[in-house]
Amino acid sequence: MHYIGKILIILGILSVVAGIIVYFLGDKLGWLGHLPGDIRVEKENFGFYFPITTMIIVSVVVTLIIRLIQRFF
């Protein structure tokens, strides 16, 4: 149970840090989600948006953060 407690604490801290970053840098992160490679199809009554490039970048960043955390715990 101690291991699960550590994971929940780390996830909570990461969530707070992510919230602070979005709160203070939200205006400067407007490019995120509008990168080349993000698929956007808009028609009269239909809209489809698939941010594949953004998802890859976010995945790489989150993976690096998790690997750094695993080294210390």
PDB file of N, CA and C in Angstrom:
ATOM      1  N   MET A   1       0.813  -1.192   0.000  1.00  0.00           N
ATOM      2  CA  MET A   1       0.000   0.000   0.000  1.00  0.00           C
ATOM      3  C   MET A   1       0.864   1.267   0.000  1.00  0.00           C
ATOM      4  N   HIS A   2       2.076   1.174   0.530  1.00  0.00           N
ATOM      5  CA  HIS A   2       2.938   2.357   0.541  1.00  0.00           C
ATOM      6  C   HIS A   2       3.304   2.776  -0.871  1.00  0.00           C
ATOM      7  N   TYR A   3       3.490   1.813  -1.749  1.00  0.00           N
ATOM      8  CA  TYR A   3       3.855   2.104  -3.133  1.00  0.00           C
ATOM      9  C   TYR A   3       2.727   2.844  -3.845  1.00  0.00           C
ATOM     10  N   ILE A   4       1.499   2.409  -3.617  1.00  0.00           N
ATOM     11  CA  ILE A   4       0.350   3.076  -4.230  1.00  0.00           C
ATOM     12  C   ILE A   4       0.219   4.492  -3.683  1.00  0.00           C
ATOM     13  N   GLY A   5       0.489   4.670  -2.411  1.00  0.00           N
ATOM     14  CA  GLY A   5       0.449   6.004  -1.815  1.00  0.00           C
ATOM     15  C   GLY A   5       1.465   6.937  -2.452  1.00  0.00           C
ATOM     16  N   LYS A   6       2.677   6.436  -2.702  1.00  0.00           N
ATOM     17  CA  LYS A   6       3.702   7.244  -3.359  1.00  0.00           C
ATOM     18  C   LYS A   6       3.262   7.639  -4.767  1.00  0.00           C
ATOM     19  N   ILE A   7       2.692   6.688  -5.487  1.00  0.00           N
ATOM     20  CA  ILE A   7       2.240   6.968  -6.848  1.00  0.00           C
ATOM     21  C   ILE A   7       1.154   8.040  -6.836  1.00  0.00           C
ATOM     22  N   LEU A   8       0.208   7.942  -5.912  1.00  0.00           N
ATOM     23  CA  LEU A   8      -0.864   8.929  -5.842  1.00  0.00           C
ATOM     24  C   LEU A   8      -0.331  10.312  -5.476  1.00  0.00           C
ATOM     25  N   ILE A   9       0.633  10.372  -4.587  1.00  0.00           N
ATOM     26  CA  ILE A   9       1.239  11.657  -4.221  1.00  0.00           C
ATOM     27  C   ILE A   9       1.957  12.263  -5.416  1.00  0.00           C
ATOM     28  N   ILE A  10       2.719  11.456  -6.138  1.00  0.00           N
ATOM     29  CA  ILE A  10       3.458  11.949  -7.308  1.00  0.00           C
ATOM     30  C   ILE A  10       2.486  12.421  -8.382  1.00  0.00           C
ATOM     31  N   LEU A  11       1.425  11.651  -8.630  1.00  0.00           N
ATOM     32  CA  LEU A  11       0.433  12.059  -9.624  1.00  0.00           C
ATOM     33  C   LEU A  11      -0.257  13.365  -9.212  1.00  0.00           C
ATOM     34  N   GLY A  12      -0.505  13.524  -7.932  1.00  0.00           N
ATOM     35  CA  GLY A  12      -1.112  14.764  -7.445  1.00  0.00           C
ATOM     36  C   GLY A  12      -0.189  15.956  -7.643  1.00  0.00           C
ATOM     37  N   ILE A  13       1.087  15.773  -7.338  1.00  0.00           N
ATOM     38  CA  ILE A  13       2.062  16.850  -7.519  1.00  0.00           C
ATOM     39  C   ILE A  13       2.199  17.195  -8.998  1.00  0.00           C
ATOM     40  N   LEU A  14       2.282  16.188  -9.857  1.00  0.00           N
ATOM     41  CA  LEU A  14       2.371  16.434 -11.295  1.00  0.00           C
ATOM     42  C   LEU A  14       1.125  17.139 -11.820  1.00  0.00           C
ATOM     43  N   SER A  15      -0.016  16.774 -11.281  1.00  0.00           N
ATOM     44  CA  SER A  15      -1.255  17.417 -11.694  1.00  0.00           C
ATOM     45  C   SER A  15      -1.270  18.890 -11.300  1.00  0.00           C
ATOM     46  N   VAL A  16      -0.808  19.202 -10.102  1.00  0.00           N
ATOM     47  CA  VAL A  16      -0.738  20.597  -9.657  1.00  0.00           C
ATOM     48  C   VAL A  16       0.255  21.377 -10.507  1.00  0.00           C
ATOM     49  N   VAL A  17       1.417  20.786 -10.791  1.00  0.00           N
ATOM     50  CA  VAL A  17       2.418  21.462 -11.624  1.00  0.00           C
ATOM     51  C   VAL A  17       1.865  21.708 -13.025  1.00  0.00           C
ATOM     52  N   ALA A  18       1.202  20.723 -13.605  1.00  0.00           N
ATOM     53  CA  ALA A  18       0.610  20.893 -14.928  1.00  0.00           C
ATOM     54  C   ALA A  18      -0.449  21.990 -14.906  1.00  0.00           C
ATOM     55  N   GLY A  19      -1.250  22.052 -13.853  1.00  0.00           N
ATOM     56  CA  GLY A  19      -2.259  23.097 -13.718  1.00  0.00           C
ATOM     57  C   GLY A  19      -1.638  24.477 -13.622  1.00  0.00           C
ATOM     58  N   ILE A  20      -0.548  24.603 -12.885  1.00  0.00           N
ATOM     59  CA  ILE A  20       0.144  25.887 -12.762  1.00  0.00           C
ATOM     60  C   ILE A  20       0.720  26.310 -14.102  1.00  0.00           C
ATOM     61  N   ILE A  21       1.318  25.359 -14.815  1.00  0.00           N
ATOM     62  CA  ILE A  21       1.890  25.675 -16.131  1.00  0.00           C
ATOM     63  C   ILE A  21       0.800  26.148 -17.086  1.00  0.00           C
ATOM     64  N   VAL A  22      -0.318  25.447 -17.134  1.00  0.00           N
ATOM     65  CA  VAL A  22      -1.408  25.829 -18.035  1.00  0.00           C
ATOM     66  C   VAL A  22      -1.998  27.171 -17.607  1.00  0.00           C
ATOM     67  N   TYR A  23      -2.112  27.403 -16.323  1.00  0.00           N
ATOM     68  CA  TYR A  23      -2.692  28.657 -15.833  1.00  0.00           C
ATOM     69  C   TYR A  23      -1.835  29.858 -16.216  1.00  0.00           C
ATOM     70  N   PHE A  24      -0.526  29.752 -16.002  1.00  0.00           N
ATOM     71  CA  PHE A  24       0.346  30.891 -16.251  1.00  0.00           C
ATOM     72  C   PHE A  24       0.838  30.985 -17.698  1.00  0.00           C
ATOM     73  N   LEU A  25       0.961  29.867 -18.381  1.00  0.00           N
ATOM     74  CA  LEU A  25       1.484  29.876 -19.743  1.00  0.00           C
ATOM     75  C   LEU A  25       0.439  29.510 -20.787  1.00  0.00           C
ATOM     76  N   GLY A  26      -0.831  29.513 -20.425  1.00  0.00           N
ATOM     77  CA  GLY A  26      -1.891  29.116 -21.333  1.00  0.00           C
ATOM     78  C   GLY A  26      -1.917  29.934 -22.612  1.00  0.00           C
ATOM     79  N   ASP A  27      -1.659  31.236 -22.497  1.00  0.00           N
ATOM     80  CA  ASP A  27      -1.663  32.089 -23.691  1.00  0.00           C
ATOM     81  C   ASP A  27      -0.491  31.775 -24.604  1.00  0.00           C
ATOM     82  N   LYS A  28       0.621  31.382 -24.025  1.00  0.00           N
ATOM     83  CA  LYS A  28       1.823  31.112 -24.820  1.00  0.00           C
ATOM     84  C   LYS A  28       1.836  29.691 -25.385  1.00  0.00           C
ATOM     85  N   LEU A  29       0.941  28.850 -24.921  1.00  0.00           N
ATOM     86  CA  LEU A  29       0.872  27.471 -25.409  1.00  0.00           C
ATOM     87  C   LEU A  29      -0.221  27.293 -26.462  1.00  0.00           C
ATOM     88  N   GLY A  30      -0.664  28.379 -27.079  1.00  0.00           N
ATOM     89  CA  GLY A  30      -1.718  28.314 -28.078  1.00  0.00           C
ATOM     90  C   GLY A  30      -1.322  27.520 -29.316  1.00  0.00           C
ATOM     91  N   TRP A  31      -0.030  27.428 -29.596  1.00  0.00           N
ATOM     92  CA  TRP A  31       0.448  26.666 -30.757  1.00  0.00           C
ATOM     93  C   TRP A  31       0.272  25.169 -30.549  1.00  0.00           C
ATOM     94  N   LEU A  32       0.199  24.751 -29.294  1.00  0.00           N
ATOM     95  CA  LEU A  32       0.046  23.331 -28.999  1.00  0.00           C
ATOM     96  C   LEU A  32      -1.348  22.888 -29.434  1.00  0.00           C
ATOM     97  N   GLY A  33      -1.413  21.951 -30.330  1.00  0.00           N
ATOM     98  CA  GLY A  33      -2.671  21.494 -30.895  1.00  0.00           C
ATOM     99  C   GLY A  33      -2.891  22.012 -32.304  1.00  0.00           C
ATOM    100  N   HIS A  34      -1.990  22.877 -32.753  1.00  0.00           N
ATOM    101  CA  HIS A  34      -2.070  23.415 -34.115  1.00  0.00           C
ATOM    102  C   HIS A  34      -0.748  23.205 -34.839  1.00  0.00           C
ATOM    103  N   LEU A  35      -0.129  22.080 -34.602  1.00  0.00           N
ATOM    104  CA  LEU A  35       1.168  21.781 -35.191  1.00  0.00           C
ATOM    105  C   LEU A  35       1.000  21.150 -36.575  1.00  0.00           C
ATOM    106  N   PRO A  36       2.046  21.238 -37.397  1.00  0.00           N
ATOM    107  CA  PRO A  36       1.991  20.511 -38.667  1.00  0.00           C
ATOM    108  C   PRO A  36       1.882  19.009 -38.379  1.00  0.00           C
ATOM    109  N   GLY A  37       0.990  18.354 -39.041  1.00  0.00           N
ATOM    110  CA  GLY A  37       0.766  16.933 -38.794  1.00  0.00           C
ATOM    111  C   GLY A  37      -0.513  16.680 -38.026  1.00  0.00           C
ATOM    112  N   ASP A  38      -1.057  17.710 -37.387  1.00  0.00           N
ATOM    113  CA  ASP A  38      -2.355  17.582 -36.747  1.00  0.00           C
ATOM    114  C   ASP A  38      -3.418  17.615 -37.834  1.00  0.00           C
ATOM    115  N   ILE A  39      -4.314  16.647 -37.809  1.00  0.00           N
ATOM    116  CA  ILE A  39      -5.316  16.505 -38.868  1.00  0.00           C
ATOM    117  C   ILE A  39      -6.583  17.249 -38.464  1.00  0.00           C
ATOM    118  N   ARG A  40      -7.039  18.125 -39.349  1.00  0.00           N
ATOM    119  CA  ARG A  40      -8.273  18.877 -39.122  1.00  0.00           C
ATOM    120  C   ARG A  40      -9.100  18.854 -40.400  1.00  0.00           C
ATOM    121  N   VAL A  41     -10.328  18.367 -40.281  1.00  0.00           N
ATOM    122  CA  VAL A  41     -11.261  18.339 -41.405  1.00  0.00           C
ATOM    123  C   VAL A  41     -12.527  19.050 -40.938  1.00  0.00           C
ATOM    124  N   GLU A  42     -12.887  20.110 -41.640  1.00  0.00           N
ATOM    125  CA  GLU A  42     -14.101  20.841 -41.301  1.00  0.00           C
ATOM    126  C   GLU A  42     -14.970  20.968 -42.548  1.00  0.00           C
ATOM    127  N   LYS A  43     -16.217  20.554 -42.401  1.00  0.00           N
ATOM    128  CA  LYS A  43     -17.191  20.678 -43.475  1.00  0.00           C
ATOM    129  C   LYS A  43     -18.426  21.367 -42.906  1.00  0.00           C
ATOM    130  N   GLU A  44     -19.476  21.429 -43.688  1.00  0.00           N
ATOM    131  CA  GLU A  44     -20.671  22.145 -43.275  1.00  0.00           C
ATOM    132  C   GLU A  44     -21.208  21.701 -41.922  1.00  0.00           C
ATOM    133  N   ASN A  45     -21.562  20.451 -41.806  1.00  0.00           N
ATOM    134  CA  ASN A  45     -22.158  19.930 -40.573  1.00  0.00           C
ATOM    135  C   ASN A  45     -21.260  18.912 -39.885  1.00  0.00           C
ATOM    136  N   PHE A  46     -19.995  18.978 -40.179  1.00  0.00           N
ATOM    137  CA  PHE A  46     -19.098  17.953 -39.657  1.00  0.00           C
ATOM    138  C   PHE A  46     -17.740  18.571 -39.360  1.00  0.00           C
ATOM    139  N   GLY A  47     -17.170  18.194 -38.243  1.00  0.00           N
ATOM    140  CA  GLY A  47     -15.821  18.615 -37.912  1.00  0.00           C
ATOM    141  C   GLY A  47     -15.056  17.464 -37.285  1.00  0.00           C
ATOM    142  N   PHE A  48     -13.834  17.276 -37.710  1.00  0.00           N
ATOM    143  CA  PHE A  48     -12.990  16.202 -37.183  1.00  0.00           C
ATOM    144  C   PHE A  48     -11.603  16.764 -36.918  1.00  0.00           C
ATOM    145  N   TYR A  49     -11.082  16.500 -35.735  1.00  0.00           N
ATOM    146  CA  TYR A  49      -9.772  17.002 -35.362  1.00  0.00           C
ATOM    147  C   TYR A  49      -9.001  15.881 -34.683  1.00  0.00           C
ATOM    148  N   PHE A  50      -7.829  15.568 -35.209  1.00  0.00           N
ATOM    149  CA  PHE A  50      -6.987  14.512 -34.663  1.00  0.00           C
ATOM    150  C   PHE A  50      -5.571  15.057 -34.498  1.00  0.00           C
ATOM    151  N   PRO A  51      -5.199  15.490 -33.290  1.00  0.00           N
ATOM    152  CA  PRO A  51      -3.889  16.126 -33.070  1.00  0.00           C
ATOM    153  C   PRO A  51      -2.764  15.101 -32.888  1.00  0.00           C
ATOM    154  N   ILE A  52      -2.407  14.398 -33.947  1.00  0.00           N
ATOM    155  CA  ILE A  52      -1.442  13.302 -33.843  1.00  0.00           C
ATOM    156  C   ILE A  52      -0.044  13.794 -33.462  1.00  0.00           C
ATOM    157  N   THR A  53       0.417  14.890 -34.052  1.00  0.00           N
ATOM    158  CA  THR A  53       1.748  15.408 -33.723  1.00  0.00           C
ATOM    159  C   THR A  53       1.792  15.886 -32.279  1.00  0.00           C
ATOM    160  N   THR A  54       0.747  16.567 -31.857  1.00  0.00           N
ATOM    161  CA  THR A  54       0.685  17.039 -30.477  1.00  0.00           C
ATOM    162  C   THR A  54       0.690  15.862 -29.509  1.00  0.00           C
ATOM    163  N   MET A  55      -0.045  14.798 -29.826  1.00  0.00           N
ATOM    164  CA  MET A  55      -0.082  13.634 -28.949  1.00  0.00           C
ATOM    165  C   MET A  55       1.283  12.961 -28.852  1.00  0.00           C
ATOM    166  N   ILE A  56       2.007  12.909 -29.951  1.00  0.00           N
ATOM    167  CA  ILE A  56       3.342  12.303 -29.927  1.00  0.00           C
ATOM    168  C   ILE A  56       4.282  13.118 -29.045  1.00  0.00           C
ATOM    169  N   ILE A  57       4.250  14.441 -29.184  1.00  0.00           N
ATOM    170  CA  ILE A  57       5.127  15.301 -28.376  1.00  0.00           C
ATOM    171  C   ILE A  57       4.778  15.182 -26.895  1.00  0.00           C
ATOM    172  N   VAL A  58       3.497  15.222 -26.563  1.00  0.00           N
ATOM    173  CA  VAL A  58       3.073  15.094 -25.163  1.00  0.00           C
ATOM    174  C   VAL A  58       3.473  13.724 -24.623  1.00  0.00           C
ATOM    175  N   SER A  59       3.339  12.684 -25.422  1.00  0.00           N
ATOM    176  CA  SER A  59       3.717  11.340 -24.998  1.00  0.00           C
ATOM    177  C   SER A  59       5.207  11.245 -24.699  1.00  0.00           C
ATOM    178  N   VAL A  60       6.035  11.829 -25.540  1.00  0.00           N
ATOM    179  CA  VAL A  60       7.485  11.800 -25.320  1.00  0.00           C
ATOM    180  C   VAL A  60       7.843  12.559 -24.039  1.00  0.00           C
ATOM    181  N   VAL A  61       7.236  13.709 -23.829  1.00  0.00           N
ATOM    182  CA  VAL A  61       7.525  14.502 -22.627  1.00  0.00           C
ATOM    183  C   VAL A  61       7.088  13.755 -21.375  1.00  0.00           C
ATOM    184  N   VAL A  62       5.899  13.190 -21.386  1.00  0.00           N
ATOM    185  CA  VAL A  62       5.405  12.446 -20.221  1.00  0.00           C
ATOM    186  C   VAL A  62       6.270  11.217 -19.964  1.00  0.00           C
ATOM    187  N   THR A  63       6.694  10.528 -21.004  1.00  0.00           N
ATOM    188  CA  THR A  63       7.571   9.368 -20.846  1.00  0.00           C
ATOM    189  C   THR A  63       8.896   9.771 -20.213  1.00  0.00           C
ATOM    190  N   LEU A  64       9.470  10.869 -20.649  1.00  0.00           N
ATOM    191  CA  LEU A  64      10.727  11.339 -20.053  1.00  0.00           C
ATOM    192  C   LEU A  64      10.548  11.692 -18.582  1.00  0.00           C
ATOM    193  N   ILE A  65       9.448  12.335 -18.245  1.00  0.00           N
ATOM    194  CA  ILE A  65       9.187  12.685 -16.843  1.00  0.00           C
ATOM    195  C   ILE A  65       9.030  11.430 -16.001  1.00  0.00           C
ATOM    196  N   ILE A  66       8.292  10.447 -16.503  1.00  0.00           N
ATOM    197  CA  ILE A  66       8.094   9.206 -15.751  1.00  0.00           C
ATOM    198  C   ILE A  66       9.418   8.475 -15.563  1.00  0.00           C
ATOM    199  N   ARG A  67      10.248   8.438 -16.590  1.00  0.00           N
ATOM    200  CA  ARG A  67      11.550   7.769 -16.457  1.00  0.00           C
ATOM    201  C   ARG A  67      12.434   8.466 -15.434  1.00  0.00           C
ATOM    202  N   LEU A  68      12.400   9.795 -15.404  1.00  0.00           N
ATOM    203  CA  LEU A  68      13.175  10.528 -14.403  1.00  0.00           C
ATOM    204  C   LEU A  68      12.683  10.227 -12.997  1.00  0.00           C
ATOM    205  N   ILE A  69      11.366  10.167 -12.830  1.00  0.00           N
ATOM    206  CA  ILE A  69      10.798   9.855 -11.513  1.00  0.00           C
ATOM    207  C   ILE A  69      11.177   8.439 -11.095  1.00  0.00           C
ATOM    208  N   GLN A  70      11.154   7.486 -12.019  1.00  0.00           N
ATOM    209  CA  GLN A  70      11.493   6.105 -11.684  1.00  0.00           C
ATOM    210  C   GLN A  70      12.943   5.967 -11.250  1.00  0.00           C
ATOM    211  N   ARG A  71      13.817   6.791 -11.749  1.00  0.00           N
ATOM    212  CA  ARG A  71      15.228   6.714 -11.342  1.00  0.00           C
ATOM    213  C   ARG A  71      15.407   7.101  -9.885  1.00  0.00           C
ATOM    214  N   PHE A  72      14.573   8.006  -9.394  1.00  0.00           N
ATOM    215  CA  PHE A  72      14.730   8.507  -8.033  1.00  0.00           C
ATOM    216  C   PHE A  72      13.942   7.706  -7.012  1.00  0.00           C
ATOM    217  N   PHE A  73      13.006   6.840  -7.448  1.00  0.00           N
ATOM    218  CA  PHE A  73      12.201   6.073  -6.478  1.00  0.00           C
ATOM    219  C   PHE A  73      12.402   4.619  -6.658  1.00  0.00           C
TER     220      PHE A  73
END
